[in-house]
């Protein structure tokens, strides 16, 4: 609990399902972004989420707030 944030680097299978399990269904204005996450979690994607939890043990499924989702193609290679 001394760390306020963590980065999980992993490979599917499992990462996409874990992200979906942790994210809340109601994303308060981020419906399109959530739909992109639900559709596909491609290799090299980065997803950010936050939780209102006092400790890591308090983190629960369906409680995460989606803050960002970036796929490699969103980086605009060649721009």
C-alpha atoms as a PDB file:
ATOM      1  CA  UNK A   1       0.000   0.000   0.000  1.00  0.00           C
ATOM      2  CA  UNK A   2       2.981   2.343   0.049  1.00  0.00           C
ATOM      3  CA  UNK A   3       2.667   2.735  -3.750  1.00  0.00           C
ATOM      4  CA  UNK A   4      -0.199   4.758  -5.174  1.00  0.00           C
ATOM      5  CA  UNK A   5       0.130   3.413  -8.692  1.00  0.00           C
ATOM      6  CA  UNK A   6       1.310   0.300 -10.473  1.00  0.00           C
ATOM      7  CA  UNK A   7       2.026  -0.674 -14.049  1.00  0.00           C
ATOM      8  CA  UNK A   8       1.140  -4.150 -15.210  1.00  0.00           C
ATOM      9  CA  UNK A   9       2.975  -5.322 -18.309  1.00  0.00           C
ATOM     10  CA  UNK A  10       1.578  -8.562 -19.630  1.00  0.00           C
ATOM     11  CA  UNK A  11       0.602 -10.509 -22.691  1.00  0.00           C
ATOM     12  CA  UNK A  12      -2.820 -11.817 -23.592  1.00  0.00           C
ATOM     13  CA  UNK A  13      -4.611 -14.084 -23.027  1.00  0.00           C
ATOM     14  CA  UNK A  14      -5.989 -12.699 -19.831  1.00  0.00           C
ATOM     15  CA  UNK A  15      -5.022  -9.025 -19.798  1.00  0.00           C
ATOM     16  CA  UNK A  16      -8.017  -7.927 -21.868  1.00  0.00           C
ATOM     17  CA  UNK A  17     -10.402  -9.953 -19.701  1.00  0.00           C
ATOM     18  CA  UNK A  18      -8.799  -8.623 -16.497  1.00  0.00           C
ATOM     19  CA  UNK A  19      -9.182  -5.029 -17.684  1.00  0.00           C
ATOM     20  CA  UNK A  20     -12.835  -5.585 -18.556  1.00  0.00           C
ATOM     21  CA  UNK A  21     -13.458  -7.244 -15.192  1.00  0.00           C
ATOM     22  CA  UNK A  22     -11.950  -4.306 -13.306  1.00  0.00           C
ATOM     23  CA  UNK A  23     -13.668  -1.526 -15.260  1.00  0.00           C
ATOM     24  CA  UNK A  24     -17.031  -0.212 -14.131  1.00  0.00           C
ATOM     25  CA  UNK A  25     -19.829  -0.521 -16.702  1.00  0.00           C
ATOM     26  CA  UNK A  26     -20.825   3.139 -16.263  1.00  0.00           C
ATOM     27  CA  UNK A  27     -17.875   5.240 -17.414  1.00  0.00           C
ATOM     28  CA  UNK A  28     -19.487   8.689 -17.079  1.00  0.00           C
ATOM     29  CA  UNK A  29     -18.949  10.151 -20.541  1.00  0.00           C
ATOM     30  CA  UNK A  30     -16.320   7.673 -21.701  1.00  0.00           C
ATOM     31  CA  UNK A  31     -18.722   5.334 -23.470  1.00  0.00           C
ATOM     32  CA  UNK A  32     -16.874   5.466 -26.810  1.00  0.00           C
ATOM     33  CA  UNK A  33     -13.523   4.843 -25.157  1.00  0.00           C
ATOM     34  CA  UNK A  34     -14.958   1.898 -23.209  1.00  0.00           C
ATOM     35  CA  UNK A  35     -16.412   0.480 -26.437  1.00  0.00           C
ATOM     36  CA  UNK A  36     -12.898   0.538 -27.978  1.00  0.00           C
ATOM     37  CA  UNK A  37     -11.531  -1.346 -24.977  1.00  0.00           C
ATOM     38  CA  UNK A  38     -14.335  -3.894 -25.183  1.00  0.00           C
ATOM     39  CA  UNK A  39     -13.829  -4.439 -28.915  1.00  0.00           C
ATOM     40  CA  UNK A  40     -10.132  -5.270 -28.848  1.00  0.00           C
ATOM     41  CA  UNK A  41      -7.031  -4.939 -26.689  1.00  0.00           C
ATOM     42  CA  UNK A  42      -4.282  -5.135 -29.298  1.00  0.00           C
ATOM     43  CA  UNK A  43      -0.621  -5.892 -28.703  1.00  0.00           C
ATOM     44  CA  UNK A  44       1.123  -2.763 -27.432  1.00  0.00           C
ATOM     45  CA  UNK A  45      -2.047  -1.124 -26.081  1.00  0.00           C
ATOM     46  CA  UNK A  46      -1.940   0.961 -22.911  1.00  0.00           C
ATOM     47  CA  UNK A  47      -4.932   1.317 -20.600  1.00  0.00           C
ATOM     48  CA  UNK A  48      -5.165   3.648 -17.611  1.00  0.00           C
ATOM     49  CA  UNK A  49      -7.702   3.322 -14.824  1.00  0.00           C
ATOM     50  CA  UNK A  50      -8.188   4.647 -11.325  1.00  0.00           C
ATOM     51  CA  UNK A  51      -9.954   3.295  -8.265  1.00  0.00           C
ATOM     52  CA  UNK A  52     -11.464   5.016  -5.265  1.00  0.00           C
ATOM     53  CA  UNK A  53      -9.905   2.678  -2.718  1.00  0.00           C
ATOM     54  CA  UNK A  54      -7.961   3.339   0.460  1.00  0.00           C
ATOM     55  CA  UNK A  55      -5.767   0.239   0.011  1.00  0.00           C
ATOM     56  CA  UNK A  56      -4.981  -2.216  -2.778  1.00  0.00           C
ATOM     57  CA  UNK A  57      -7.027  -4.817  -0.908  1.00  0.00           C
ATOM     58  CA  UNK A  58     -10.049  -2.519  -1.365  1.00  0.00           C
ATOM     59  CA  UNK A  59      -9.834  -2.635  -5.185  1.00  0.00           C
ATOM     60  CA  UNK A  60     -12.871  -4.519  -6.458  1.00  0.00           C
ATOM     61  CA  UNK A  61     -14.115  -5.790  -9.830  1.00  0.00           C
ATOM     62  CA  UNK A  62     -16.321  -3.404 -11.793  1.00  0.00           C
ATOM     63  CA  UNK A  63     -15.033  -0.404  -9.821  1.00  0.00           C
ATOM     64  CA  UNK A  64     -12.325   1.022 -12.089  1.00  0.00           C
ATOM     65  CA  UNK A  65     -12.700   4.364 -13.806  1.00  0.00           C
ATOM     66  CA  UNK A  66     -11.239   4.382 -17.322  1.00  0.00           C
ATOM     67  CA  UNK A  67      -8.810   7.278 -17.734  1.00  0.00           C
ATOM     68  CA  UNK A  68      -7.106   6.407 -21.025  1.00  0.00           C
ATOM     69  CA  UNK A  69      -6.763   3.784 -23.727  1.00  0.00           C
ATOM     70  CA  UNK A  70      -4.140   4.053 -26.431  1.00  0.00           C
ATOM     71  CA  UNK A  71      -3.513   1.581 -29.224  1.00  0.00           C
ATOM     72  CA  UNK A  72      -0.343   1.616 -31.336  1.00  0.00           C
ATOM     73  CA  UNK A  73      -2.327   2.924 -34.330  1.00  0.00           C
ATOM     74  CA  UNK A  74      -3.488   5.894 -32.216  1.00  0.00           C
ATOM     75  CA  UNK A  75       0.093   7.156 -32.045  1.00  0.00           C
ATOM     76  CA  UNK A  76      -0.079   8.523 -35.584  1.00  0.00           C
ATOM     77  CA  UNK A  77       3.077   6.926 -36.934  1.00  0.00           C
ATOM     78  CA  UNK A  78       4.534   9.026 -39.686  1.00  0.00           C
ATOM     79  CA  UNK A  79       3.025  12.309 -38.490  1.00  0.00           C
END
